[in-house]
Amino acid sequence: MSPAEEERSLPLPERWPRASKFALSACAAAVAELVTFPLDLTKTRLQVQGEAAVRRDGAAVPYRGMLRTAAGIAQEEGVRKLWQGATPAVYRHIVYTGVRMVTYEHLRDSVLGRVEDESFPLWKSVVGGMSAGAIGQFFASPTDLVKVQMQMEGKRKLEGKPLRFRGVHHAFLKILSEGGVRGLWAGWVPNVQRAALVNMGDLTTYDSVKHFLLLNTTLVDNSVTHGVSSACSGLVAAVLGTPADVVKTRIMNQPRDKQGRGLLYKSSMNCLIQTVRGEGFLSLYKGFTPTWMRMAPWSLVFWLTYEQIRRICGVTSF
């Protein structure tokens, strides 16, 4: 058998390992996103609630918690609106999760390298997780922008404001026509910053906890280990990522001029300062509960699905 024929006879995961891992992680992320999306919508609404920069008369804003916000969306806008913006969210995770997972494994296995006992030092895991998250989010930032703006359409309708978009593709085209290519990357800086922090919590924690358990306990590489590791990763990711997520959401949702410049905030730092001055430090953790309640099941669904899909397709465990 010639080398070419021998290569063609190999299973797809061995012939195209990175492409296969990209596709598998994208599938697992799509499942996790659809299951937990209502919590993401609730989180987004909470993060712009009471926004100091848009209060003109200084009047107090009635605050609603996570459950009341979700119930309000279902009652005032319809249950289906709990999944408003789900399509660009799935698009985003196909790009974001696919890129970050492939990048992290490449950095871990080929660039940074494991130590002799096959463990991955924490500092290397932090560097790998932050780098993978930043790279993945940069490529996925346009889809995240569309997702955030579409999630606010139901609120605009209730306020009597005209809807901005007819659908996902119209949103992309409108943003592109109004702000150019740069407009699609509006808010990418806090977006990338958030992704770096979230992945330091998610990828770094999951990988570190999983391999710590395998090396230092009697647990084996199964769903129990994956579940414990994913629970830890979801909590750490929420704590590290929520402040940057609040800033990112507000920058992406703000109105813009014809040149695509924000009318409320000049930069992510300006948004951070205005938010803390106008609403207090704890405002940076608006939406923390739904963020955590979403990240925990999201991580659980994603990692369990991803590990099982890899096993079924003959790819080694993460």
Foldseek 3Di string as FASTA:
>chain_A
DDPVVVLVPDAPCVNPVLVVLLVLLLVLLLVLCVVQQLLVLLLLVQLCFPQLLPDDPPDDGDHDDSVVSSVCCCVVPNNVLSCFLVVLVSVLSSQLRSQLVSQLVCCDPPNVYDDPVRAGDLVSQLVSQLVSQLVSLQVSQLSVLLSLQRSCQSVCVVVVHDGDAPDSVRSSVVQCQQANPVSSCFLSVLRSVLSSQLSSLARSQLRNQLVCCCVPHPDDPDLVSQLVSQQRSLVSSLVRRQLSVSLSSPRSNADADSNSQGPRARDSVRSSVSCCVRPNPCSSCRSSVSSSVSSSSSSSSSRNSSQVVCVVSVHDGD
